[in-house]
Amino acid sequence: MKGMRGPGESRDTAMAVEQDIFDAVVMADERFHGEGYQEGYEEGSSLGIVEGKQYGMVHGAKIGSEIGCYRGFALAWKCLLHSGTGEKDSRKMKVVEALIALLQDFPYDDPTYEKLHEDLDRIRGKFRQVCVFSLCLWGMLEGALKARLARTLGFM
């Protein structure tokens, strides 16, 4: 009697097939949701890397340009002040040399440096000091030009 089925077995088989169909329908939504999430996550990750790289290059270039400007400015003033012999010129020279030292210590090739923005703020402050206090540019300027320079340097 091995090949024969009992009266309840065909019904159980039919219920199992019917249950599998319903499970497939109910689980399809969950499966498609999971697959869509995974595809979206992978595409978003790759696009995020590309976008992050572009953002980093743009802002890194801006910081590099700013640092280069400060360095050129400081080296030009060092050459100009080198011939000065007065006490005021020696004080100016110390401030210019301090700016050059900050620029030389700046980590140009380490984007993960934790104190990058702190060091950049210190350099900007020393640059302002060189411009305004040490080089006496402030006294030579007049009216609107003085206000414009103050806004540019962040004093207003």
Protein backbone atom coordinates (compact mmCIF):
# COMPACT_ATOMS: atom_id res chain seq x y z
CA MET A 1 0.00 0.00 0.00
CA LYS A 2 2.90 2.24 -0.48
CA GLY A 3 1.70 3.98 -3.61
CA MET A 4 -1.74 4.73 -2.27
CA ARG A 5 -2.67 7.93 -0.55
CA GLY A 6 -5.00 8.32 2.30
CA PRO A 7 -8.16 10.44 2.07
CA GLY A 8 -6.60 13.47 3.85
CA GLU A 9 -3.29 13.58 2.03
CA SER A 10 -4.51 15.11 -1.20
CA ARG A 11 -6.21 17.83 0.75
CA ASP A 12 -3.00 18.53 2.74
CA THR A 13 -1.02 18.67 -0.46
CA ALA A 14 -3.47 21.10 -1.99
CA MET A 15 -3.33 23.29 1.13
CA ALA A 16 0.46 23.25 1.08
CA VAL A 17 0.55 24.32 -2.58
CA GLU A 18 -2.04 27.03 -1.89
CA GLN A 19 -0.04 28.22 1.17
CA ASP A 20 3.17 28.41 -0.92
CA ILE A 21 1.41 30.60 -3.50
CA PHE A 22 0.18 32.99 -0.82
CA ASP A 23 3.60 33.06 0.85
CA ALA A 24 5.19 33.89 -2.49
CA VAL A 25 2.75 36.77 -3.03
CA VAL A 26 3.05 38.11 0.51
CA MET A 27 6.82 37.74 0.61
CA ALA A 28 7.31 39.26 -2.87
CA ASP A 29 6.76 42.75 -1.49
CA GLU A 30 9.32 42.17 1.24
CA ARG A 31 11.78 40.57 -1.18
CA PHE A 32 11.45 43.41 -3.73
CA HIS A 33 11.81 45.97 -0.96
CA GLY A 34 15.03 44.32 0.23
CA GLU A 35 16.45 44.02 -3.28
CA GLY A 36 15.56 47.65 -4.09
CA TYR A 37 17.14 48.83 -0.86
CA GLN A 38 20.35 46.92 -1.61
CA GLU A 39 20.56 48.24 -5.18
CA GLY A 40 19.87 51.79 -4.02
CA TYR A 41 22.44 51.52 -1.24
CA GLU A 42 25.14 50.29 -3.63
CA GLU A 43 24.40 53.00 -6.22
CA GLY A 44 24.22 55.71 -3.55
CA SER A 45 27.52 54.59 -2.07
CA SER A 46 29.32 54.76 -5.41
CA LEU A 47 27.77 58.15 -6.26
CA GLY A 48 28.61 59.42 -2.77
CA ILE A 49 32.26 58.50 -3.24
CA VAL A 50 32.40 60.33 -6.58
CA GLU A 51 30.61 63.39 -5.19
CA GLY A 52 32.80 63.41 -2.07
CA LYS A 53 35.94 63.24 -4.18
CA GLN A 54 34.81 66.18 -6.32
CA TYR A 55 33.88 68.21 -3.23
CA GLY A 56 37.24 67.43 -1.65
CA MET A 57 39.16 68.45 -4.75
CA VAL A 58 37.32 71.76 -5.06
CA HIS A 59 37.72 72.73 -1.42
CA GLY A 60 41.26 71.41 -1.24
CA ALA A 61 42.15 73.57 -4.25
CA LYS A 62 40.60 76.61 -2.54
CA ILE A 63 42.64 76.03 0.62
CA GLY A 64 45.78 75.42 -1.44
CA SER A 65 45.23 78.63 -3.37
CA GLU A 66 44.68 80.58 -0.14
CA ILE A 67 47.81 79.14 1.47
CA GLY A 68 49.83 79.87 -1.69
CA CYS A 69 48.63 83.47 -1.66
CA TYR A 70 49.69 83.87 1.99
CA ARG A 71 53.07 82.30 1.30
CA GLY A 72 53.77 84.54 -1.69
CA PHE A 73 52.70 87.58 0.29
CA ALA A 74 54.90 86.65 3.25
CA LEU A 75 57.97 85.87 1.11
CA ALA A 76 57.60 89.14 -0.80
CA TRP A 77 57.42 91.12 2.44
CA LYS A 78 60.38 89.20 3.85
CA CYS A 79 62.45 90.29 0.86
CA LEU A 80 61.24 93.88 1.20
CA LEU A 81 61.90 94.03 4.94
CA HIS A 82 65.27 92.31 4.72
CA SER A 83 66.92 95.59 3.80
CA GLY A 84 65.26 97.49 6.71
CA THR A 85 67.39 98.24 9.74
CA GLY A 86 65.00 99.95 12.15
CA GLU A 87 63.37 98.48 15.23
CA LYS A 88 59.94 98.62 13.59
CA ASP A 89 61.27 96.65 10.63
CA SER A 90 62.70 93.95 12.92
CA ARG A 91 59.31 93.58 14.66
CA LYS A 92 57.62 93.35 11.28
CA MET A 93 60.17 90.77 10.19
CA LYS A 94 59.43 88.62 13.26
CA VAL A 95 55.72 88.60 12.45
CA VAL A 96 56.39 87.77 8.79
CA GLU A 97 58.75 84.97 9.82
CA ALA A 98 56.13 83.63 12.23
CA LEU A 99 53.64 83.50 9.33
CA ILE A 100 56.20 81.71 7.15
CA ALA A 101 56.84 79.20 9.96
CA LEU A 102 53.11 78.48 10.27
CA LEU A 103 52.90 78.00 6.50
CA GLN A 104 55.86 75.61 6.49
CA ASP A 105 54.33 73.50 9.28
CA PHE A 106 50.95 73.29 7.53
CA PRO A 107 50.14 69.66 6.52
CA TYR A 108 49.66 70.07 2.76
CA ASP A 109 49.43 66.36 2.02
CA ASP A 110 47.36 65.06 4.96
CA PRO A 111 43.63 65.67 4.43
CA THR A 112 42.81 63.69 7.59
CA TYR A 113 44.80 66.02 9.84
CA GLU A 114 42.50 66.76 12.78
CA LYS A 115 43.68 70.31 13.46
CA LEU A 116 43.61 71.43 9.82
CA HIS A 117 40.97 74.11 10.37
CA GLU A 118 42.56 75.30 13.62
CA ASP A 119 45.93 75.71 11.90
CA LEU A 120 44.28 77.43 8.95
CA ASP A 121 42.57 79.87 11.33
CA ARG A 122 45.93 80.57 13.02
CA ILE A 123 47.51 81.27 9.62
CA ARG A 124 44.65 83.60 8.68
CA GLY A 125 45.04 85.45 11.98
CA LYS A 126 48.78 85.85 11.50
CA PHE A 127 48.18 87.05 7.95
CA ARG A 128 45.77 89.69 9.27
CA GLN A 129 48.39 90.71 11.78
CA VAL A 130 50.98 91.06 9.05
CA CYS A 131 48.60 93.09 6.90
CA VAL A 132 47.14 95.37 9.51
CA PHE A 133 49.45 95.72 12.46
CA SER A 134 52.98 94.85 11.37
CA LEU A 135 53.02 96.42 7.95
CA CYS A 136 51.12 99.59 8.89
CA LEU A 137 48.91 99.33 5.85
CA TRP A 138 45.91 100.38 7.86
CA GLY A 139 47.09 103.97 8.40
CA MET A 140 47.70 104.50 4.68
CA LEU A 141 44.20 103.53 3.63
CA GLU A 142 41.27 105.91 3.43
CA GLY A 143 37.50 105.68 3.92
CA ALA A 144 35.74 103.18 1.70
CA LEU A 145 38.93 101.27 0.89
CA LYS A 146 39.64 100.82 4.61
CA ALA A 147 36.09 99.54 5.22
CA ARG A 148 36.32 97.16 2.26
CA LEU A 149 39.64 95.75 3.47
CA ALA A 150 38.25 95.35 7.00
CA ARG A 151 35.27 93.36 5.63
CA THR A 152 37.57 91.24 3.44
CA LEU A 153 39.85 90.42 6.37
CA GLY A 154 36.89 89.66 8.62
CA PHE A 155 37.19 92.58 11.04
CA MET A 156 33.67 93.87 10.35
